[in-house]
Full PDB file with SEQRES, HELIX, SHEET, SSBOND, CRYST1, ORIGX, SCALE, CONECT and MASTER records, all heavy atoms in Angstrom:
SEQRES   1 A   37  SER GLU SER GLY ARG GLN ILE GLU ILE ASN SER ALA GLY          
SEQRES   2 A   37  ILE ALA GLY ALA ALA ALA GLY GLY ALA ILE ALA GLY LEU          
SEQRES   3 A   37  MET CYS GLY PRO GLY ALA PRO VAL CYS VAL LEU                  
HELIX    1 AA1 GLU A    2  CYS A   28  1                                  27    
HELIX    2 AA2 GLY A   29  GLY A   31  5                                   3    
HELIX    3 AA3 ALA A   32  VAL A   36  1                                   5    
SSBOND   1 CYS A   28    CYS A   35                          1555   1555  1.94  
CRYST1    1.000    1.000    1.000  90.00  90.00  90.00 P 1           1          
ORIGX1      1.000000  0.000000  0.000000        0.00000                         
ORIGX2      0.000000  1.000000  0.000000        0.00000                         
ORIGX3      0.000000  0.000000  1.000000        0.00000                         
SCALE1      1.000000  0.000000  0.000000        0.00000                         
SCALE2      0.000000  1.000000  0.000000        0.00000                         
SCALE3      0.000000  0.000000  1.000000        0.00000                         
ATOM      1  N   SER A   1       0.821  -1.198   0.002  1.00  0.00           N  
ATOM      2  CA  SER A   1       0.004  -0.001  -0.001  1.00  0.00           C  
ATOM      3  C   SER A   1       0.866   1.267   0.002  1.00  0.00           C  
ATOM      4  O   SER A   1       0.572   2.224  -0.717  1.00  0.00           O  
ATOM      5  CB  SER A   1      -0.927   0.005   1.221  1.00  0.00           C  
ATOM      6  OG  SER A   1      -1.666   1.191   1.257  1.00  0.00           O  
ATOM      7  N   GLU A   2       1.926   1.250   0.774  1.00  0.00           N  
ATOM      8  CA  GLU A   2       2.802   2.425   0.846  1.00  0.00           C  
ATOM      9  C   GLU A   2       3.541   2.645  -0.481  1.00  0.00           C  
ATOM     10  O   GLU A   2       3.694   3.781  -0.920  1.00  0.00           O  
ATOM     11  CB  GLU A   2       3.818   2.297   1.986  1.00  0.00           C  
ATOM     12  CG  GLU A   2       4.726   3.473   2.152  1.00  0.00           C  
ATOM     13  CD  GLU A   2       3.999   4.772   2.471  1.00  0.00           C  
ATOM     14  OE1 GLU A   2       2.920   4.744   3.067  1.00  0.00           O  
ATOM     15  OE2 GLU A   2       4.530   5.843   2.104  1.00  0.00           O  
ATOM     16  N   SER A   3       3.957   1.570  -1.131  1.00  0.00           N  
ATOM     17  CA  SER A   3       4.628   1.757  -2.414  1.00  0.00           C  
ATOM     18  C   SER A   3       3.639   2.269  -3.459  1.00  0.00           C  
ATOM     19  O   SER A   3       3.991   3.111  -4.299  1.00  0.00           O  
ATOM     20  CB  SER A   3       5.292   0.462  -2.880  1.00  0.00           C  
ATOM     21  OG  SER A   3       4.322  -0.516  -3.106  1.00  0.00           O  
ATOM     22  N   GLY A   4       2.388   1.792  -3.409  1.00  0.00           N  
ATOM     23  CA  GLY A   4       1.367   2.322  -4.316  1.00  0.00           C  
ATOM     24  C   GLY A   4       1.104   3.798  -4.066  1.00  0.00           C  
ATOM     25  O   GLY A   4       0.935   4.570  -4.995  1.00  0.00           O  
ATOM     26  N   ARG A   5       1.093   4.181  -2.796  1.00  0.00           N  
ATOM     27  CA  ARG A   5       0.881   5.583  -2.421  1.00  0.00           C  
ATOM     28  C   ARG A   5       2.002   6.445  -2.972  1.00  0.00           C  
ATOM     29  O   ARG A   5       1.776   7.499  -3.557  1.00  0.00           O  
ATOM     30  CB  ARG A   5       0.808   5.691  -0.903  1.00  0.00           C  
ATOM     31  CG  ARG A   5       0.679   7.085  -0.379  1.00  0.00           C  
ATOM     32  CD  ARG A   5       0.633   7.087   1.162  1.00  0.00           C  
ATOM     33  NE  ARG A   5       0.611   8.423   1.656  1.00  0.00           N  
ATOM     34  CZ  ARG A   5       1.699   9.156   1.910  1.00  0.00           C  
ATOM     35  NH1 ARG A   5       2.879   8.648   1.723  1.00  0.00           N  
ATOM     36  NH2 ARG A   5       1.588  10.380   2.357  1.00  0.00           N  
ATOM     37  N   GLN A   6       3.245   6.007  -2.814  1.00  0.00           N  
ATOM     38  CA  GLN A   6       4.404   6.779  -3.292  1.00  0.00           C  
ATOM     39  C   GLN A   6       4.387   6.889  -4.813  1.00  0.00           C  
ATOM     40  O   GLN A   6       4.686   7.942  -5.365  1.00  0.00           O  
ATOM     41  CB  GLN A   6       5.707   6.131  -2.826  1.00  0.00           C  
ATOM     42  CG  GLN A   6       5.932   6.158  -1.342  1.00  0.00           C  
ATOM     43  CD  GLN A   6       6.057   7.558  -0.781  1.00  0.00           C  
ATOM     44  OE1 GLN A   6       6.468   8.476  -1.463  1.00  0.00           O  
ATOM     45  NE2 GLN A   6       5.719   7.708   0.481  1.00  0.00           N  
ATOM     46  N   ILE A   7       4.028   5.811  -5.492  1.00  0.00           N  
ATOM     47  CA  ILE A   7       3.972   5.844  -6.956  1.00  0.00           C  
ATOM     48  C   ILE A   7       2.892   6.805  -7.433  1.00  0.00           C  
ATOM     49  O   ILE A   7       3.108   7.589  -8.368  1.00  0.00           O  
ATOM     50  CB  ILE A   7       3.728   4.422  -7.504  1.00  0.00           C  
ATOM     51  CG1 ILE A   7       4.985   3.588  -7.314  1.00  0.00           C  
ATOM     52  CG2 ILE A   7       3.334   4.464  -8.980  1.00  0.00           C  
ATOM     53  CD1 ILE A   7       4.794   2.114  -7.570  1.00  0.00           C  
ATOM     54  N   GLU A   8       1.724   6.788  -6.787  1.00  0.00           N  
ATOM     55  CA  GLU A   8       0.641   7.683  -7.170  1.00  0.00           C  
ATOM     56  C   GLU A   8       0.999   9.145  -6.949  1.00  0.00           C  
ATOM     57  O   GLU A   8       0.716  10.001  -7.781  1.00  0.00           O  
ATOM     58  CB  GLU A   8      -0.627   7.339  -6.388  1.00  0.00           C  
ATOM     59  CG  GLU A   8      -1.287   6.062  -6.815  1.00  0.00           C  
ATOM     60  CD  GLU A   8      -1.838   6.123  -8.195  1.00  0.00           C  
ATOM     61  OE1 GLU A   8      -2.349   7.185  -8.609  1.00  0.00           O  
ATOM     62  OE2 GLU A   8      -1.766   5.099  -8.886  1.00  0.00           O  
ATOM     63  N   ILE A   9       1.628   9.449  -5.818  1.00  0.00           N  
ATOM     64  CA  ILE A   9       1.995  10.835  -5.536  1.00  0.00           C  
ATOM     65  C   ILE A   9       3.041  11.315  -6.534  1.00  0.00           C  
ATOM     66  O   ILE A   9       2.933  12.426  -7.073  1.00  0.00           O  
ATOM     67  CB  ILE A   9       2.491  10.965  -4.084  1.00  0.00           C  
ATOM     68  CG1 ILE A   9       1.340  10.773  -3.107  1.00  0.00           C  
ATOM     69  CG2 ILE A   9       3.154  12.330  -3.865  1.00  0.00           C  
ATOM     70  CD1 ILE A   9       1.754  10.698  -1.665  1.00  0.00           C  
ATOM     71  N   ASN A  10       4.034  10.489  -6.834  1.00  0.00           N  
ATOM     72  CA  ASN A  10       5.074  10.891  -7.798  1.00  0.00           C  
ATOM     73  C   ASN A  10       4.488  11.027  -9.198  1.00  0.00           C  
ATOM     74  O   ASN A  10       4.833  11.972  -9.925  1.00  0.00           O  
ATOM     75  CB  ASN A  10       6.228   9.887  -7.795  1.00  0.00           C  
ATOM     76  CG  ASN A  10       7.037   9.966  -6.539  1.00  0.00           C  
ATOM     77  OD1 ASN A  10       7.071  10.994  -5.878  1.00  0.00           O  
ATOM     78  ND2 ASN A  10       7.668   8.873  -6.171  1.00  0.00           N  
ATOM     79  N   SER A  11       3.598  10.132  -9.574  1.00  0.00           N  
ATOM     80  CA  SER A  11       2.968  10.216 -10.906  1.00  0.00           C  
ATOM     81  C   SER A  11       2.098  11.466 -11.030  1.00  0.00           C  
ATOM     82  O   SER A  11       2.100  12.112 -12.079  1.00  0.00           O  
ATOM     83  CB  SER A  11       2.119   8.973 -11.165  1.00  0.00           C  
ATOM     84  OG  SER A  11       2.918   7.823 -11.135  1.00  0.00           O  
ATOM     85  N   ALA A  12       1.376  11.790  -9.994  1.00  0.00           N  
ATOM     86  CA  ALA A  12       0.542  13.004 -10.006  1.00  0.00           C  
ATOM     87  C   ALA A  12       1.427  14.233 -10.123  1.00  0.00           C  
ATOM     88  O   ALA A  12       1.074  15.189 -10.829  1.00  0.00           O  
ATOM     89  CB  ALA A  12      -0.308  13.077  -8.752  1.00  0.00           C  
ATOM     90  N   GLY A  13       2.555  14.242  -9.447  1.00  0.00           N  
ATOM     91  CA  GLY A  13       3.471  15.373  -9.531  1.00  0.00           C  
ATOM     92  C   GLY A  13       4.013  15.569 -10.939  1.00  0.00           C  
ATOM     93  O   GLY A  13       4.096  16.689 -11.451  1.00  0.00           O  
ATOM     94  N   ILE A  14       4.378  14.462 -11.592  1.00  0.00           N  
ATOM     95  CA  ILE A  14       4.891  14.549 -12.953  1.00  0.00           C  
ATOM     96  C   ILE A  14       3.802  15.020 -13.919  1.00  0.00           C  
ATOM     97  O   ILE A  14       4.028  15.902 -14.760  1.00  0.00           O  
ATOM     98  CB  ILE A  14       5.464  13.183 -13.382  1.00  0.00           C  
ATOM     99  CG1 ILE A  14       6.719  12.880 -12.584  1.00  0.00           C  
ATOM    100  CG2 ILE A  14       5.757  13.154 -14.891  1.00  0.00           C  
ATOM    101  CD1 ILE A  14       7.214  11.463 -12.712  1.00  0.00           C  
ATOM    102  N   ALA A  15       2.614  14.437 -13.817  1.00  0.00           N  
ATOM    103  CA  ALA A  15       1.513  14.843 -14.696  1.00  0.00           C  
ATOM    104  C   ALA A  15       1.092  16.292 -14.445  1.00  0.00           C  
ATOM    105  O   ALA A  15       0.813  17.042 -15.385  1.00  0.00           O  
ATOM    106  CB  ALA A  15       0.333  13.909 -14.486  1.00  0.00           C  
ATOM    107  N   GLY A  16       1.075  16.686 -13.182  1.00  0.00           N  
ATOM    108  CA  GLY A  16       0.719  18.072 -12.857  1.00  0.00           C  
ATOM    109  C   GLY A  16       1.739  19.054 -13.376  1.00  0.00           C  
ATOM    110  O   GLY A  16       1.378  20.147 -13.839  1.00  0.00           O  
ATOM    111  N   ALA A  17       3.010  18.697 -13.316  1.00  0.00           N  
ATOM    112  CA  ALA A  17       4.050  19.574 -13.853  1.00  0.00           C  
ATOM    113  C   ALA A  17       3.931  19.727 -15.359  1.00  0.00           C  
ATOM    114  O   ALA A  17       4.070  20.823 -15.899  1.00  0.00           O  
ATOM    115  CB  ALA A  17       5.428  19.041 -13.481  1.00  0.00           C  
ATOM    116  N   ALA A  18       3.643  18.620 -16.038  1.00  0.00           N  
ATOM    117  CA  ALA A  18       3.478  18.685 -17.490  1.00  0.00           C  
ATOM    118  C   ALA A  18       2.266  19.533 -17.857  1.00  0.00           C  
ATOM    119  O   ALA A  18       2.331  20.386 -18.746  1.00  0.00           O  
ATOM    120  CB  ALA A  18       3.338  17.277 -18.064  1.00  0.00           C  
ATOM    121  N   ALA A  19       1.162  19.319 -17.149  1.00  0.00           N  
ATOM    122  CA  ALA A  19      -0.056  20.084 -17.458  1.00  0.00           C  
ATOM    123  C   ALA A  19       0.109  21.554 -17.114  1.00  0.00           C  
ATOM    124  O   ALA A  19      -0.275  22.434 -17.895  1.00  0.00           O  
ATOM    125  CB  ALA A  19      -1.249  19.483 -16.702  1.00  0.00           C  
ATOM    126  N   GLY A  20       0.672  21.825 -15.948  1.00  0.00           N  
ATOM    127  CA  GLY A  20       0.883  23.217 -15.549  1.00  0.00           C  
ATOM    128  C   GLY A  20       1.825  23.959 -16.490  1.00  0.00           C  
ATOM    129  O   GLY A  20       1.586  25.107 -16.840  1.00  0.00           O  
ATOM    130  N   GLY A  21       2.894  23.295 -16.905  1.00  0.00           N  
ATOM    131  CA  GLY A  21       3.822  23.902 -17.848  1.00  0.00           C  
ATOM    132  C   GLY A  21       3.183  24.155 -19.192  1.00  0.00           C  
ATOM    133  O   GLY A  21       3.411  25.198 -19.821  1.00  0.00           O  
ATOM    134  N   ALA A  22       2.384  23.200 -19.679  1.00  0.00           N  
ATOM    135  CA  ALA A  22       1.736  23.380 -20.974  1.00  0.00           C  
ATOM    136  C   ALA A  22       0.717  24.511 -20.948  1.00  0.00           C  
ATOM    137  O   ALA A  22       0.671  25.335 -21.857  1.00  0.00           O  
ATOM    138  CB  ALA A  22       1.050  22.082 -21.382  1.00  0.00           C  
ATOM    139  N   ILE A  23      -0.070  24.572 -19.905  1.00  0.00           N  
ATOM    140  CA  ILE A  23      -1.074  25.636 -19.800  1.00  0.00           C  
ATOM    141  C   ILE A  23      -0.410  26.997 -19.675  1.00  0.00           C  
ATOM    142  O   ILE A  23      -0.799  27.968 -20.324  1.00  0.00           O  
ATOM    143  CB  ILE A  23      -2.026  25.363 -18.623  1.00  0.00           C  
ATOM    144  CG1 ILE A  23      -2.893  24.163 -18.947  1.00  0.00           C  
ATOM    145  CG2 ILE A  23      -2.881  26.580 -18.309  1.00  0.00           C  
ATOM    146  CD1 ILE A  23      -3.704  23.647 -17.785  1.00  0.00           C  
ATOM    147  N   ALA A  24       0.629  27.077 -18.836  1.00  0.00           N  
ATOM    148  CA  ALA A  24       1.327  28.354 -18.668  1.00  0.00           C  
ATOM    149  C   ALA A  24       2.011  28.774 -19.972  1.00  0.00           C  
ATOM    150  O   ALA A  24       2.039  29.955 -20.303  1.00  0.00           O  
ATOM    151  CB  ALA A  24       2.348  28.242 -17.544  1.00  0.00           C  
ATOM    152  N   GLY A  25       2.573  27.829 -20.708  1.00  0.00           N  
ATOM    153  CA  GLY A  25       3.220  28.141 -21.961  1.00  0.00           C  
ATOM    154  C   GLY A  25       2.250  28.682 -22.997  1.00  0.00           C  
ATOM    155  O   GLY A  25       2.591  29.582 -23.776  1.00  0.00           O  
ATOM    156  N   LEU A  26       1.042  28.158 -23.016  1.00  0.00           N  
ATOM    157  CA  LEU A  26       0.037  28.638 -23.963  1.00  0.00           C  
ATOM    158  C   LEU A  26      -0.483  30.015 -23.584  1.00  0.00           C  
ATOM    159  O   LEU A  26      -0.837  30.808 -24.461  1.00  0.00           O  
ATOM    160  CB  LEU A  26      -1.127  27.655 -24.024  1.00  0.00           C  
ATOM    161  CG  LEU A  26      -0.820  26.317 -24.683  1.00  0.00           C  
ATOM    162  CD1 LEU A  26      -2.012  25.365 -24.521  1.00  0.00           C  
ATOM    163  CD2 LEU A  26      -0.481  26.488 -26.137  1.00  0.00           C  
ATOM    164  N   MET A  27      -0.505  30.335 -22.308  1.00  0.00           N  
ATOM    165  CA  MET A  27      -1.078  31.598 -21.861  1.00  0.00           C  
ATOM    166  C   MET A  27      -0.091  32.766 -21.974  1.00  0.00           C  
ATOM    167  O   MET A  27      -0.518  33.903 -22.110  1.00  0.00           O  
ATOM    168  CB  MET A  27      -1.545  31.488 -20.423  1.00  0.00           C  
ATOM    169  CG  MET A  27      -2.784  30.631 -20.266  1.00  0.00           C  
ATOM    170  SD  MET A  27      -3.327  30.338 -18.591  1.00  0.00           S  
ATOM    171  CE  MET A  27      -2.852  31.769 -17.701  1.00  0.00           C  
ATOM    172  N   CYS A  28       1.203  32.517 -21.900  1.00  0.00           N  
ATOM    173  CA  CYS A  28       2.151  33.600 -21.737  1.00  0.00           C  
ATOM    174  C   CYS A  28       2.645  34.247 -23.016  1.00  0.00           C  
ATOM    175  O   CYS A  28       3.070  35.390 -22.993  1.00  0.00           O  
ATOM    176  CB  CYS A  28       3.364  33.098 -20.953  1.00  0.00           C  
ATOM    177  SG  CYS A  28       2.995  32.965 -19.211  1.00  0.00           S  
ATOM    178  N   GLY A  29       2.669  33.565 -24.123  1.00  0.00           N  
ATOM    179  CA  GLY A  29       3.170  34.153 -25.352  1.00  0.00           C  
ATOM    180  C   GLY A  29       4.684  34.306 -25.327  1.00  0.00           C  
ATOM    181  O   GLY A  29       5.401  33.311 -25.169  1.00  0.00           O  
ATOM    182  N   PRO A  30       5.204  35.546 -25.446  1.00  0.00           N  
ATOM    183  CA  PRO A  30       6.655  35.721 -25.517  1.00  0.00           C  
ATOM    184  C   PRO A  30       7.383  35.380 -24.214  1.00  0.00           C  
ATOM    185  O   PRO A  30       8.566  35.049 -24.239  1.00  0.00           O  
ATOM    186  CB  PRO A  30       6.856  37.200 -25.826  1.00  0.00           C  
ATOM    187  CG  PRO A  30       5.522  37.775 -26.070  1.00  0.00           C  
ATOM    188  CD  PRO A  30       4.483  36.775 -25.677  1.00  0.00           C  
ATOM    189  N   GLY A  31       6.741  35.429 -23.109  1.00  0.00           N  
ATOM    190  CA  GLY A  31       7.368  35.094 -21.842  1.00  0.00           C  
ATOM    191  C   GLY A  31       7.242  33.616 -21.480  1.00  0.00           C  
ATOM    192  O   GLY A  31       7.389  33.233 -20.337  1.00  0.00           O  
ATOM    193  N   ALA A  32       6.964  32.780 -22.487  1.00  0.00           N  
ATOM    194  CA  ALA A  32       6.696  31.362 -22.248  1.00  0.00           C  
ATOM    195  C   ALA A  32       7.800  30.604 -21.501  1.00  0.00           C  
ATOM    196  O   ALA A  32       7.488  29.799 -20.644  1.00  0.00           O  
ATOM    197  CB  ALA A  32       6.360  30.670 -23.555  1.00  0.00           C  
ATOM    198  N   PRO A  33       9.089  30.832 -21.811  1.00  0.00           N  
ATOM    199  CA  PRO A  33      10.098  30.055 -21.082  1.00  0.00           C  
ATOM    200  C   PRO A  33      10.042  30.240 -19.563  1.00  0.00           C  
ATOM    201  O   PRO A  33      10.156  29.272 -18.806  1.00  0.00           O  
ATOM    202  CB  PRO A  33      11.429  30.565 -21.648  1.00  0.00           C  
ATOM    203  CG  PRO A  33      11.086  31.024 -23.017  1.00  0.00           C  
ATOM    204  CD  PRO A  33       9.699  31.595 -22.908  1.00  0.00           C  
ATOM    205  N   VAL A  34       9.804  31.449 -19.128  1.00  0.00           N  
ATOM    206  CA  VAL A  34       9.717  31.705 -17.691  1.00  0.00           C  
ATOM    207  C   VAL A  34       8.396  31.141 -17.133  1.00  0.00           C  
ATOM    208  O   VAL A  34       8.382  30.511 -16.076  1.00  0.00           O  
ATOM    209  CB  VAL A  34       9.831  33.227 -17.392  1.00  0.00           C  
ATOM    210  CG1 VAL A  34       9.600  33.508 -15.919  1.00  0.00           C  
ATOM    211  CG2 VAL A  34      11.178  33.733 -17.833  1.00  0.00           C  
ATOM    212  N   CYS A  35       7.337  31.354 -17.855  1.00  0.00           N  
ATOM    213  CA  CYS A  35       6.030  30.885 -17.413  1.00  0.00           C  
ATOM    214  C   CYS A  35       5.962  29.366 -17.326  1.00  0.00           C  
ATOM    215  O   CYS A  35       5.314  28.814 -16.438  1.00  0.00           O  
ATOM    216  CB  CYS A  35       4.926  31.385 -18.340  1.00  0.00           C  
ATOM    217  SG  CYS A  35       4.657  33.153 -18.225  1.00  0.00           S  
ATOM    218  N   VAL A  36       6.608  28.676 -18.257  1.00  0.00           N  
ATOM    219  CA  VAL A  36       6.598  27.212 -18.248  1.00  0.00           C  
ATOM    220  C   VAL A  36       7.306  26.695 -17.017  1.00  0.00           C  
ATOM    221  O   VAL A  36       6.846  25.746 -16.379  1.00  0.00           O  
ATOM    222  CB  VAL A  36       7.232  26.659 -19.538  1.00  0.00           C  
ATOM    223  CG1 VAL A  36       7.529  25.175 -19.419  1.00  0.00           C  
ATOM    224  CG2 VAL A  36       6.326  26.909 -20.721  1.00  0.00           C  
ATOM    225  N   LEU A  37       8.427  27.288 -16.649  1.00  0.00           N  
ATOM    226  CA  LEU A  37       9.135  26.870 -15.431  1.00  0.00           C  
ATOM    227  C   LEU A  37       8.267  27.077 -14.187  1.00  0.00           C  
ATOM    228  O   LEU A  37       8.134  26.181 -13.352  1.00  0.00           O  
ATOM    229  CB  LEU A  37      10.443  27.644 -15.266  1.00  0.00           C  
ATOM    230  CG  LEU A  37      11.549  27.262 -16.223  1.00  0.00           C  
ATOM    231  CD1 LEU A  37      12.716  28.223 -16.074  1.00  0.00           C  
ATOM    232  CD2 LEU A  37      11.992  25.851 -15.978  1.00  0.00           C  
TER     233      LEU A  37                                                      
CONECT  177  217                                                                
CONECT  217  177                                                                
MASTER        0    0    0    3    0    0    0    6  232    1    2    3          
END                                                                             
């Protein structure tokens, strides 16, 4: 159960980073490199 919990938390973090970076990149225009980070 603990290993499943750790895998889920890490997977959510990776997916959230990808989604957050993609959304920020689309919204920022010329400032996209900073916004994506």
